[in-house]
C-alpha atoms as a PDB file:
ATOM      1  CA  UNK A   1     -43.611  19.969  58.182  1.00  0.00           C
ATOM      2  CA  UNK A   2     -43.603  18.843  54.679  1.00  0.00           C
ATOM      3  CA  UNK A   3     -44.260  22.410  53.534  1.00  0.00           C
ATOM      4  CA  UNK A   4     -41.234  23.522  55.476  1.00  0.00           C
ATOM      5  CA  UNK A   5     -39.092  21.014  53.956  1.00  0.00           C
ATOM      6  CA  UNK A   6     -40.145  21.774  50.454  1.00  0.00           C
ATOM      7  CA  UNK A   7     -39.547  25.490  50.906  1.00  0.00           C
ATOM      8  CA  UNK A   8     -35.776  24.786  51.768  1.00  0.00           C
ATOM      9  CA  UNK A   9     -35.176  23.361  48.234  1.00  0.00           C
ATOM     10  CA  UNK A  10     -33.263  25.607  45.714  1.00  0.00           C
ATOM     11  CA  UNK A  11     -35.394  26.454  42.751  1.00  0.00           C
ATOM     12  CA  UNK A  12     -34.569  24.334  39.546  1.00  0.00           C
ATOM     13  CA  UNK A  13     -32.319  26.517  37.303  1.00  0.00           C
ATOM     14  CA  UNK A  14     -33.043  26.608  33.668  1.00  0.00           C
ATOM     15  CA  UNK A  15     -30.459  24.335  31.700  1.00  0.00           C
ATOM     16  CA  UNK A  16     -30.283  27.149  28.643  1.00  0.00           C
ATOM     17  CA  UNK A  17     -27.529  28.989  30.359  1.00  0.00           C
ATOM     18  CA  UNK A  18     -25.434  25.897  30.983  1.00  0.00           C
ATOM     19  CA  UNK A  19     -25.815  24.677  27.513  1.00  0.00           C
ATOM     20  CA  UNK A  20     -24.485  27.963  26.114  1.00  0.00           C
ATOM     21  CA  UNK A  21     -21.431  27.882  28.294  1.00  0.00           C
ATOM     22  CA  UNK A  22     -20.928  24.234  27.007  1.00  0.00           C
ATOM     23  CA  UNK A  23     -21.419  25.418  23.490  1.00  0.00           C
ATOM     24  CA  UNK A  24     -19.093  28.278  23.779  1.00  0.00           C
ATOM     25  CA  UNK A  25     -16.160  26.251  25.225  1.00  0.00           C
ATOM     26  CA  UNK A  26     -16.493  23.590  22.572  1.00  0.00           C
ATOM     27  CA  UNK A  27     -16.298  26.287  20.055  1.00  0.00           C
ATOM     28  CA  UNK A  28     -13.148  27.789  21.595  1.00  0.00           C
ATOM     29  CA  UNK A  29     -11.817  24.193  21.861  1.00  0.00           C
ATOM     30  CA  UNK A  30     -12.397  23.550  18.197  1.00  0.00           C
ATOM     31  CA  UNK A  31     -10.782  26.834  17.017  1.00  0.00           C
ATOM     32  CA  UNK A  32      -7.635  26.064  19.099  1.00  0.00           C
ATOM     33  CA  UNK A  33      -7.314  22.530  17.719  1.00  0.00           C
ATOM     34  CA  UNK A  34      -7.822  23.645  14.121  1.00  0.00           C
ATOM     35  CA  UNK A  35      -5.236  26.473  14.510  1.00  0.00           C
ATOM     36  CA  UNK A  36      -2.715  23.984  15.948  1.00  0.00           C
ATOM     37  CA  UNK A  37      -3.414  21.575  13.131  1.00  0.00           C
ATOM     38  CA  UNK A  38      -2.753  24.501  10.611  1.00  0.00           C
ATOM     39  CA  UNK A  39       0.415  25.178  12.154  1.00  0.00           C
ATOM     40  CA  UNK A  40       1.588  21.448  12.241  1.00  0.00           C
ATOM     41  CA  UNK A  41       0.642  21.333   8.480  1.00  0.00           C
ATOM     42  CA  UNK A  42       2.512  24.338   7.427  1.00  0.00           C
ATOM     43  CA  UNK A  43       1.784  26.811   4.738  1.00  0.00           C
ATOM     44  CA  UNK A  44       3.304  24.526   2.148  1.00  0.00           C
ATOM     45  CA  UNK A  45       1.330  21.379   2.995  1.00  0.00           C
ATOM     46  CA  UNK A  46      -2.192  23.640   3.067  1.00  0.00           C
ATOM     47  CA  UNK A  47      -1.299  24.983  -0.296  1.00  0.00           C
ATOM     48  CA  UNK A  48      -0.612  21.707  -1.643  1.00  0.00           C
ATOM     49  CA  UNK A  49      -4.033  20.592  -0.460  1.00  0.00           C
ATOM     50  CA  UNK A  50      -5.647  23.527  -2.016  1.00  0.00           C
ATOM     51  CA  UNK A  51      -3.769  22.763  -5.257  1.00  0.00           C
ATOM     52  CA  UNK A  52      -5.255  19.201  -5.400  1.00  0.00           C
ATOM     53  CA  UNK A  53      -8.544  20.368  -4.651  1.00  0.00           C
ATOM     54  CA  UNK A  54      -8.467  22.864  -7.475  1.00  0.00           C
ATOM     55  CA  UNK A  55      -6.784  20.373  -9.862  1.00  0.00           C
ATOM     56  CA  UNK A  56      -9.519  17.913  -9.154  1.00  0.00           C
ATOM     57  CA  UNK A  57     -12.387  20.310  -9.682  1.00  0.00           C
ATOM     58  CA  UNK A  58     -10.991  21.644 -12.883  1.00  0.00           C
ATOM     59  CA  UNK A  59     -10.633  18.136 -14.453  1.00  0.00           C
ATOM     60  CA  UNK A  60     -13.340  16.589 -16.443  1.00  0.00           C
ATOM     61  CA  UNK A  61     -14.725  13.517 -14.538  1.00  0.00           C
ATOM     62  CA  UNK A  62     -17.662  12.890 -16.505  1.00  0.00           C
ATOM     63  CA  UNK A  63     -16.409   9.853 -18.255  1.00  0.00           C
ATOM     64  CA  UNK A  64     -15.610   8.146 -15.084  1.00  0.00           C
ATOM     65  CA  UNK A  65     -18.289   5.619 -13.692  1.00  0.00           C
ATOM     66  CA  UNK A  66     -19.401   6.670 -10.369  1.00  0.00           C
ATOM     67  CA  UNK A  67     -18.333   3.167  -9.069  1.00  0.00           C
ATOM     68  CA  UNK A  68     -14.697   4.134  -9.946  1.00  0.00           C
ATOM     69  CA  UNK A  69     -14.609   7.645  -8.756  1.00  0.00           C
ATOM     70  CA  UNK A  70     -13.053   6.664  -5.246  1.00  0.00           C
ATOM     71  CA  UNK A  71     -10.139   4.872  -7.263  1.00  0.00           C
ATOM     72  CA  UNK A  72      -9.312   7.722  -9.578  1.00  0.00           C
ATOM     73  CA  UNK A  73      -6.822  10.367  -8.485  1.00  0.00           C
ATOM     74  CA  UNK A  74      -5.044  13.490  -9.500  1.00  0.00           C
ATOM     75  CA  UNK A  75      -1.897  13.708  -7.365  1.00  0.00           C
ATOM     76  CA  UNK A  76       0.049  16.871  -7.323  1.00  0.00           C
ATOM     77  CA  UNK A  77       3.910  16.123  -6.787  1.00  0.00           C
ATOM     78  CA  UNK A  78       6.081  18.286  -4.617  1.00  0.00           C
ATOM     79  CA  UNK A  79       9.186  17.634  -6.860  1.00  0.00           C
ATOM     80  CA  UNK A  80       7.744  18.463 -10.205  1.00  0.00           C
ATOM     81  CA  UNK A  81       4.681  19.688 -11.992  1.00  0.00           C
ATOM     82  CA  UNK A  82       2.599  17.153 -13.878  1.00  0.00           C
ATOM     83  CA  UNK A  83       1.694  20.121 -16.505  1.00  0.00           C
ATOM     84  CA  UNK A  84      -0.175  18.332 -19.306  1.00  0.00           C
ATOM     85  CA  UNK A  85      -0.552  15.225 -17.212  1.00  0.00           C
ATOM     86  CA  UNK A  86      -2.406  17.102 -14.584  1.00  0.00           C
ATOM     87  CA  UNK A  87      -5.881  15.876 -15.537  1.00  0.00           C
ATOM     88  CA  UNK A  88      -4.447  12.205 -16.306  1.00  0.00           C
ATOM     89  CA  UNK A  89      -6.206  10.149 -13.752  1.00  0.00           C
ATOM     90  CA  UNK A  90      -4.165   7.923 -11.868  1.00  0.00           C
ATOM     91  CA  UNK A  91      -5.023   4.562 -10.136  1.00  0.00           C
ATOM     92  CA  UNK A  92      -3.105   3.477  -7.120  1.00  0.00           C
ATOM     93  CA  UNK A  93      -2.237  -0.138  -6.671  1.00  0.00           C
ATOM     94  CA  UNK A  94      -0.224  -2.624  -4.597  1.00  0.00           C
ATOM     95  CA  UNK A  95       1.119  -6.118  -5.282  1.00  0.00           C
ATOM     96  CA  UNK A  96       0.949  -8.056  -2.022  1.00  0.00           C
ATOM     97  CA  UNK A  97       3.104 -11.309  -2.381  1.00  0.00           C
ATOM     98  CA  UNK A  98       5.623 -13.419  -0.651  1.00  0.00           C
ATOM     99  CA  UNK A  99       9.040 -14.298  -1.662  1.00  0.00           C
ATOM    100  CA  UNK A 100       9.869 -16.437  -4.711  1.00  0.00           C
ATOM    101  CA  UNK A 101       6.094 -16.057  -5.963  1.00  0.00           C
ATOM    102  CA  UNK A 102       6.923 -14.504  -9.409  1.00  0.00           C
ATOM    103  CA  UNK A 103       6.405 -10.890  -8.321  1.00  0.00           C
ATOM    104  CA  UNK A 104       9.593  -9.594  -9.897  1.00  0.00           C
ATOM    105  CA  UNK A 105       8.496 -11.070 -13.229  1.00  0.00           C
ATOM    106  CA  UNK A 106       4.954  -9.845 -12.884  1.00  0.00           C
ATOM    107  CA  UNK A 107       6.090  -6.320 -11.947  1.00  0.00           C
ATOM    108  CA  UNK A 108       8.231  -6.333 -15.102  1.00  0.00           C
ATOM    109  CA  UNK A 109       5.147  -7.209 -17.213  1.00  0.00           C
ATOM    110  CA  UNK A 110       3.379  -4.147 -15.644  1.00  0.00           C
ATOM    111  CA  UNK A 111       6.287  -1.783 -16.054  1.00  0.00           C
ATOM    112  CA  UNK A 112       6.360  -2.659 -19.793  1.00  0.00           C
ATOM    113  CA  UNK A 113       3.420  -0.352 -20.077  1.00  0.00           C
ATOM    114  CA  UNK A 114       4.384   3.110 -20.869  1.00  0.00           C
ATOM    115  CA  UNK A 115       2.000   4.479 -18.355  1.00  0.00           C
ATOM    116  CA  UNK A 116       2.339   2.234 -15.336  1.00  0.00           C
ATOM    117  CA  UNK A 117       4.767   2.503 -12.681  1.00  0.00           C
ATOM    118  CA  UNK A 118       5.372  -0.040 -10.279  1.00  0.00           C
ATOM    119  CA  UNK A 119       8.265   0.955  -8.035  1.00  0.00           C
ATOM    120  CA  UNK A 120       9.531  -2.283  -6.710  1.00  0.00           C
ATOM    121  CA  UNK A 121      10.119  -3.712  -3.098  1.00  0.00           C
ATOM    122  CA  UNK A 122       9.914  -0.458  -1.237  1.00  0.00           C
ATOM    123  CA  UNK A 123       9.722  -1.933   1.991  1.00  0.00           C
ATOM    124  CA  UNK A 124      12.883  -3.945   1.694  1.00  0.00           C
ATOM    125  CA  UNK A 125      14.600  -1.355   3.770  1.00  0.00           C
ATOM    126  CA  UNK A 126      13.770  -1.761   7.406  1.00  0.00           C
ATOM    127  CA  UNK A 127      13.832   1.971   8.069  1.00  0.00           C
ATOM    128  CA  UNK A 128      10.766   2.570   5.758  1.00  0.00           C
ATOM    129  CA  UNK A 129       8.656  -0.215   7.970  1.00  0.00           C
ATOM    130  CA  UNK A 130       9.949   0.495  11.360  1.00  0.00           C
ATOM    131  CA  UNK A 131       6.419   1.685  12.294  1.00  0.00           C
ATOM    132  CA  UNK A 132       3.053   2.555  10.905  1.00  0.00           C
ATOM    133  CA  UNK A 133       4.292   6.271  10.645  1.00  0.00           C
ATOM    134  CA  UNK A 134       7.254   5.522   8.402  1.00  0.00           C
ATOM    135  CA  UNK A 135       4.927   3.017   6.383  1.00  0.00           C
ATOM    136  CA  UNK A 136       2.503   5.673   5.604  1.00  0.00           C
ATOM    137  CA  UNK A 137       4.892   8.453   4.698  1.00  0.00           C
ATOM    138  CA  UNK A 138       6.760   5.966   2.172  1.00  0.00           C
ATOM    139  CA  UNK A 139       3.322   5.063   0.627  1.00  0.00           C
ATOM    140  CA  UNK A 140       2.541   8.506   0.275  1.00  0.00           C
ATOM    141  CA  UNK A 141       5.439   9.396  -1.717  1.00  0.00           C
ATOM    142  CA  UNK A 142       4.757   6.689  -4.125  1.00  0.00           C
ATOM    143  CA  UNK A 143       0.995   7.719  -4.411  1.00  0.00           C
ATOM    144  CA  UNK A 144       2.034  11.440  -4.678  1.00  0.00           C
ATOM    145  CA  UNK A 145       4.206  10.665  -7.542  1.00  0.00           C
ATOM    146  CA  UNK A 146       7.298  11.747  -5.632  1.00  0.00           C
ATOM    147  CA  UNK A 147       9.002   8.400  -5.583  1.00  0.00           C
ATOM    148  CA  UNK A 148      11.973   8.347  -7.955  1.00  0.00           C
ATOM    149  CA  UNK A 149      12.943   5.065  -9.337  1.00  0.00           C
ATOM    150  CA  UNK A 150      13.829   3.405 -12.596  1.00  0.00           C
ATOM    151  CA  UNK A 151       9.827   2.657 -13.067  1.00  0.00           C
ATOM    152  CA  UNK A 152       9.393   6.480 -13.626  1.00  0.00           C
ATOM    153  CA  UNK A 153       7.738   7.011 -16.970  1.00  0.00           C
ATOM    154  CA  UNK A 154       8.309  10.090 -19.374  1.00  0.00           C
ATOM    155  CA  UNK A 155       4.685   9.506 -20.393  1.00  0.00           C
ATOM    156  CA  UNK A 156       1.830  10.481 -18.213  1.00  0.00           C
ATOM    157  CA  UNK A 157       1.614   8.093 -15.359  1.00  0.00           C
ATOM    158  CA  UNK A 158      -2.120   6.376 -15.205  1.00  0.00           C
ATOM    159  CA  UNK A 159      -1.205   3.875 -12.535  1.00  0.00           C
ATOM    160  CA  UNK A 160       1.259   4.129  -9.562  1.00  0.00           C
ATOM    161  CA  UNK A 161       2.273   1.357  -7.168  1.00  0.00           C
ATOM    162  CA  UNK A 162       4.788  -1.007  -5.569  1.00  0.00           C
ATOM    163  CA  UNK A 163       5.052  -4.489  -4.336  1.00  0.00           C
ATOM    164  CA  UNK A 164       5.074  -5.527  -0.881  1.00  0.00           C
ATOM    165  CA  UNK A 165       6.075  -8.918   0.710  1.00  0.00           C
ATOM    166  CA  UNK A 166       3.854 -10.028   3.643  1.00  0.00           C
ATOM    167  CA  UNK A 167       6.826 -10.243   6.001  1.00  0.00           C
ATOM    168  CA  UNK A 168       7.996  -6.697   5.649  1.00  0.00           C
ATOM    169  CA  UNK A 169       5.830  -4.995   8.047  1.00  0.00           C
ATOM    170  CA  UNK A 170       2.552  -5.706   6.385  1.00  0.00           C
ATOM    171  CA  UNK A 171       1.180  -8.370   8.661  1.00  0.00           C
ATOM    172  CA  UNK A 172       2.213  -6.434  11.662  1.00  0.00           C
ATOM    173  CA  UNK A 173       0.305  -3.556  10.659  1.00  0.00           C
ATOM    174  CA  UNK A 174      -2.399  -4.946   8.734  1.00  0.00           C
ATOM    175  CA  UNK A 175      -5.414  -3.157  10.373  1.00  0.00           C
ATOM    176  CA  UNK A 176      -3.934   0.236   9.857  1.00  0.00           C
ATOM    177  CA  UNK A 177      -2.744  -0.663   6.402  1.00  0.00           C
ATOM    178  CA  UNK A 178      -6.240  -1.645   5.247  1.00  0.00           C
ATOM    179  CA  UNK A 179      -7.787   1.694   6.682  1.00  0.00           C
ATOM    180  CA  UNK A 180      -5.054   3.487   4.395  1.00  0.00           C
ATOM    181  CA  UNK A 181      -5.671   1.459   1.493  1.00  0.00           C
ATOM    182  CA  UNK A 182      -9.509   1.986   1.780  1.00  0.00           C
ATOM    183  CA  UNK A 183      -9.237   5.625   2.567  1.00  0.00           C
ATOM    184  CA  UNK A 184      -6.832   6.272  -0.374  1.00  0.00           C
ATOM    185  CA  UNK A 185      -8.751   4.117  -2.806  1.00  0.00           C
ATOM    186  CA  UNK A 186      -5.747   1.585  -3.323  1.00  0.00           C
ATOM    187  CA  UNK A 187      -6.613  -1.498  -5.560  1.00  0.00           C
ATOM    188  CA  UNK A 188      -4.708  -4.429  -4.157  1.00  0.00           C
ATOM    189  CA  UNK A 189      -3.211  -7.347  -6.353  1.00  0.00           C
ATOM    190  CA  UNK A 190      -2.537 -10.530  -4.310  1.00  0.00           C
ATOM    191  CA  UNK A 191       0.089 -12.627  -6.037  1.00  0.00           C
ATOM    192  CA  UNK A 192       0.858 -16.132  -4.870  1.00  0.00           C
ATOM    193  CA  UNK A 193       2.171 -19.607  -5.932  1.00  0.00           C
ATOM    194  CA  UNK A 194      -0.010 -22.581  -5.841  1.00  0.00           C
ATOM    195  CA  UNK A 195       3.054 -24.956  -5.654  1.00  0.00           C
ATOM    196  CA  UNK A 196       4.512 -24.221  -2.362  1.00  0.00           C
ATOM    197  CA  UNK A 197       6.945 -26.820  -2.809  1.00  0.00           C
ATOM    198  CA  UNK A 198       8.528 -25.215  -5.773  1.00  0.00           C
ATOM    199  CA  UNK A 199       8.384 -21.871  -3.934  1.00  0.00           C
ATOM    200  CA  UNK A 200      10.412 -23.566  -1.075  1.00  0.00           C
ATOM    201  CA  UNK A 201      12.986 -24.845  -3.287  1.00  0.00           C
ATOM    202  CA  UNK A 202      13.329 -21.520  -4.944  1.00  0.00           C
ATOM    203  CA  UNK A 203      13.859 -19.880  -1.733  1.00  0.00           C
ATOM    204  CA  UNK A 204      16.618 -22.303  -0.700  1.00  0.00           C
ATOM    205  CA  UNK A 205      18.436 -21.772  -4.062  1.00  0.00           C
ATOM    206  CA  UNK A 206      18.212 -18.055  -3.701  1.00  0.00           C
ATOM    207  CA  UNK A 207      19.721 -18.189  -0.171  1.00  0.00           C
ATOM    208  CA  UNK A 208      22.416 -20.519  -1.593  1.00  0.00           C
ATOM    209  CA  UNK A 209      23.362 -17.869  -4.306  1.00  0.00           C
ATOM    210  CA  UNK A 210      23.188 -15.411  -1.864  1.00  0.00           C
ATOM    211  CA  UNK A 211      26.405 -16.551  -0.088  1.00  0.00           C
ATOM    212  CA  UNK A 212      28.129 -18.190  -3.094  1.00  0.00           C
ATOM    213  CA  UNK A 213      27.381 -15.396  -5.721  1.00  0.00           C
ATOM    214  CA  UNK A 214      27.595 -17.865  -8.637  1.00  0.00           C
ATOM    215  CA  UNK A 215      27.134 -15.350 -11.384  1.00  0.00           C
ATOM    216  CA  UNK A 216      30.368 -13.602 -11.705  1.00  0.00           C
ATOM    217  CA  UNK A 217      30.603 -12.881  -8.106  1.00  0.00           C
ATOM    218  CA  UNK A 218      27.334 -11.309  -7.819  1.00  0.00           C
ATOM    219  CA  UNK A 219      23.980 -12.454  -6.388  1.00  0.00           C
ATOM    220  CA  UNK A 220      20.720 -11.915  -8.402  1.00  0.00           C
ATOM    221  CA  UNK A 221      17.598 -12.554  -6.860  1.00  0.00           C
ATOM    222  CA  UNK A 222      15.877 -12.476 -10.372  1.00  0.00           C
ATOM    223  CA  UNK A 223      17.958 -13.701 -13.582  1.00  0.00           C
ATOM    224  CA  UNK A 224      17.102 -12.397 -17.066  1.00  0.00           C
ATOM    225  CA  UNK A 225      18.787 -14.788 -19.306  1.00  0.00           C
ATOM    226  CA  UNK A 226      18.641 -18.516 -19.843  1.00  0.00           C
ATOM    227  CA  UNK A 227      22.299 -19.069 -19.231  1.00  0.00           C
ATOM    228  CA  UNK A 228      21.876 -17.450 -15.735  1.00  0.00           C
ATOM    229  CA  UNK A 229      18.981 -19.543 -14.978  1.00  0.00           C
ATOM    230  CA  UNK A 230      20.812 -22.867 -15.936  1.00  0.00           C
ATOM    231  CA  UNK A 231      23.870 -21.977 -13.692  1.00  0.00           C
ATOM    232  CA  UNK A 232      21.528 -21.426 -10.548  1.00  0.00           C
ATOM    233  CA  UNK A 233      19.358 -24.530 -11.557  1.00  0.00           C
ATOM    234  CA  UNK A 234      22.546 -26.732 -10.878  1.00  0.00           C
ATOM    235  CA  UNK A 235      22.140 -26.392  -7.219  1.00  0.00           C
ATOM    236  CA  UNK A 236      19.917 -29.077  -5.929  1.00  0.00           C
ATOM    237  CA  UNK A 237      18.925 -28.273  -2.210  1.00  0.00           C
ATOM    238  CA  UNK A 238      18.200 -31.024   0.246  1.00  0.00           C
ATOM    239  CA  UNK A 239      14.835 -31.174   2.022  1.00  0.00           C
ATOM    240  CA  UNK A 240      14.116 -32.160   5.612  1.00  0.00           C
ATOM    241  CA  UNK A 241      11.381 -34.741   4.734  1.00  0.00           C
ATOM    242  CA  UNK A 242      10.610 -35.098   8.485  1.00  0.00           C
ATOM    243  CA  UNK A 243       9.415 -31.337   8.744  1.00  0.00           C
ATOM    244  CA  UNK A 244       8.567 -30.723   5.252  1.00  0.00           C
ATOM    245  CA  UNK A 245       4.816 -31.152   5.434  1.00  0.00           C
ATOM    246  CA  UNK A 246       4.490 -28.931   8.576  1.00  0.00           C
ATOM    247  CA  UNK A 247       6.577 -26.208   6.940  1.00  0.00           C
ATOM    248  CA  UNK A 248       4.262 -26.217   3.963  1.00  0.00           C
ATOM    249  CA  UNK A 249       1.502 -26.008   6.070  1.00  0.00           C
ATOM    250  CA  UNK A 250       2.698 -23.217   8.046  1.00  0.00           C
ATOM    251  CA  UNK A 251       3.406 -21.101   4.950  1.00  0.00           C
ATOM    252  CA  UNK A 252      -0.068 -22.005   3.457  1.00  0.00           C
ATOM    253  CA  UNK A 253      -1.673 -21.019   6.774  1.00  0.00           C
ATOM    254  CA  UNK A 254       0.365 -17.726   7.057  1.00  0.00           C
ATOM    255  CA  UNK A 255      -0.794 -16.624   3.703  1.00  0.00           C
ATOM    256  CA  UNK A 256      -4.317 -17.716   4.151  1.00  0.00           C
ATOM    257  CA  UNK A 257      -4.540 -15.775   7.427  1.00  0.00           C
ATOM    258  CA  UNK A 258      -3.193 -12.639   5.977  1.00  0.00           C
ATOM    259  CA  UNK A 259      -5.485 -12.749   3.030  1.00  0.00           C
ATOM    260  CA  UNK A 260      -8.347 -13.059   5.329  1.00  0.00           C
ATOM    261  CA  UNK A 261      -7.373  -9.935   7.467  1.00  0.00           C
ATOM    262  CA  UNK A 262      -6.893  -8.097   4.406  1.00  0.00           C
ATOM    263  CA  UNK A 263      -9.982  -9.100   2.011  1.00  0.00           C
ATOM    264  CA  UNK A 264     -11.868  -6.022   2.914  1.00  0.00           C
ATOM    265  CA  UNK A 265      -9.751  -3.875   0.595  1.00  0.00           C
ATOM    266  CA  UNK A 266     -10.595  -3.797  -3.211  1.00  0.00           C
ATOM    267  CA  UNK A 267      -8.749  -6.741  -4.558  1.00  0.00           C
ATOM    268  CA  UNK A 268      -7.997  -9.478  -7.124  1.00  0.00           C
ATOM    269  CA  UNK A 269      -6.255 -12.780  -6.388  1.00  0.00           C
ATOM    270  CA  UNK A 270      -3.676 -14.114  -9.014  1.00  0.00           C
ATOM    271  CA  UNK A 271      -1.512 -17.191  -9.059  1.00  0.00           C
ATOM    272  CA  UNK A 272       1.944 -17.386 -10.821  1.00  0.00           C
ATOM    273  CA  UNK A 273       1.318 -20.606 -12.519  1.00  0.00           C
ATOM    274  CA  UNK A 274      -2.082 -19.281 -13.939  1.00  0.00           C
ATOM    275  CA  UNK A 275      -0.124 -16.193 -15.360  1.00  0.00           C
ATOM    276  CA  UNK A 276       2.519 -18.163 -17.007  1.00  0.00           C
ATOM    277  CA  UNK A 277       0.055 -20.456 -18.782  1.00  0.00           C
ATOM    278  CA  UNK A 278      -2.323 -17.693 -19.846  1.00  0.00           C
ATOM    279  CA  UNK A 279      -0.864 -13.988 -19.808  1.00  0.00           C
ATOM    280  CA  UNK A 280      -4.075 -12.844 -21.339  1.00  0.00           C
ATOM    281  CA  UNK A 281      -5.370 -12.979 -17.637  1.00  0.00           C
ATOM    282  CA  UNK A 282      -3.667  -9.322 -17.527  1.00  0.00           C
ATOM    283  CA  UNK A 283      -5.523  -7.742 -20.293  1.00  0.00           C
END
């Protein structure tokens, strides 16, 4: 009886044929996906990638320490040719800060260097931060040196970046931004104020002038003369002492949480008060 039962079972097939079928299908799918990606990239984008690879291969990188290779780039802009600057390595950076923390003054210091281009608060316009795709597209333009601003230099650019406020889409997309920074080798400068009370007063004064436009009918978020500063300093905002400590703690917690979530990127943390007292920290 048991022998009859065994004789009815189908013989076990060799898995070799099945493996060959799976392998063939995988290869076909891979070729199809690759061809679709090529079509989406287009010939211009593909030629751009090839140009970047050729440029990087032809430039002498022997003087770059191995630990720094990831953070050195040779961008090839779409709008112009770098020509004699092709082999000038470019470092990417981002200044992450919050309003009224001295980032405008700090950026002016950076842009005083003939080879540094910091392109301002590029995400102040909402359409540039509407989603992560628009954010990445905007950052790509800056780091590809296709971003045109007053920070653009006639000399070879050796460092390119921008400043980004925490509340301009950064916190909402921090995981994707961290991945982008790490993949593209972006160095981050965290710039904040130690004195949160003075920062709050500065924010209130700035909002006040936004509506009154005290400087000849114009609002200036950053003044450049002593006379302009004295005019704005005449406003003495009133603070709600009942909620003051809660507001300061909330602002501090918001910043600390953001820094904690962004700490995996290459970064340095600076404070406005420290820089004012000792500018050699930037050397």
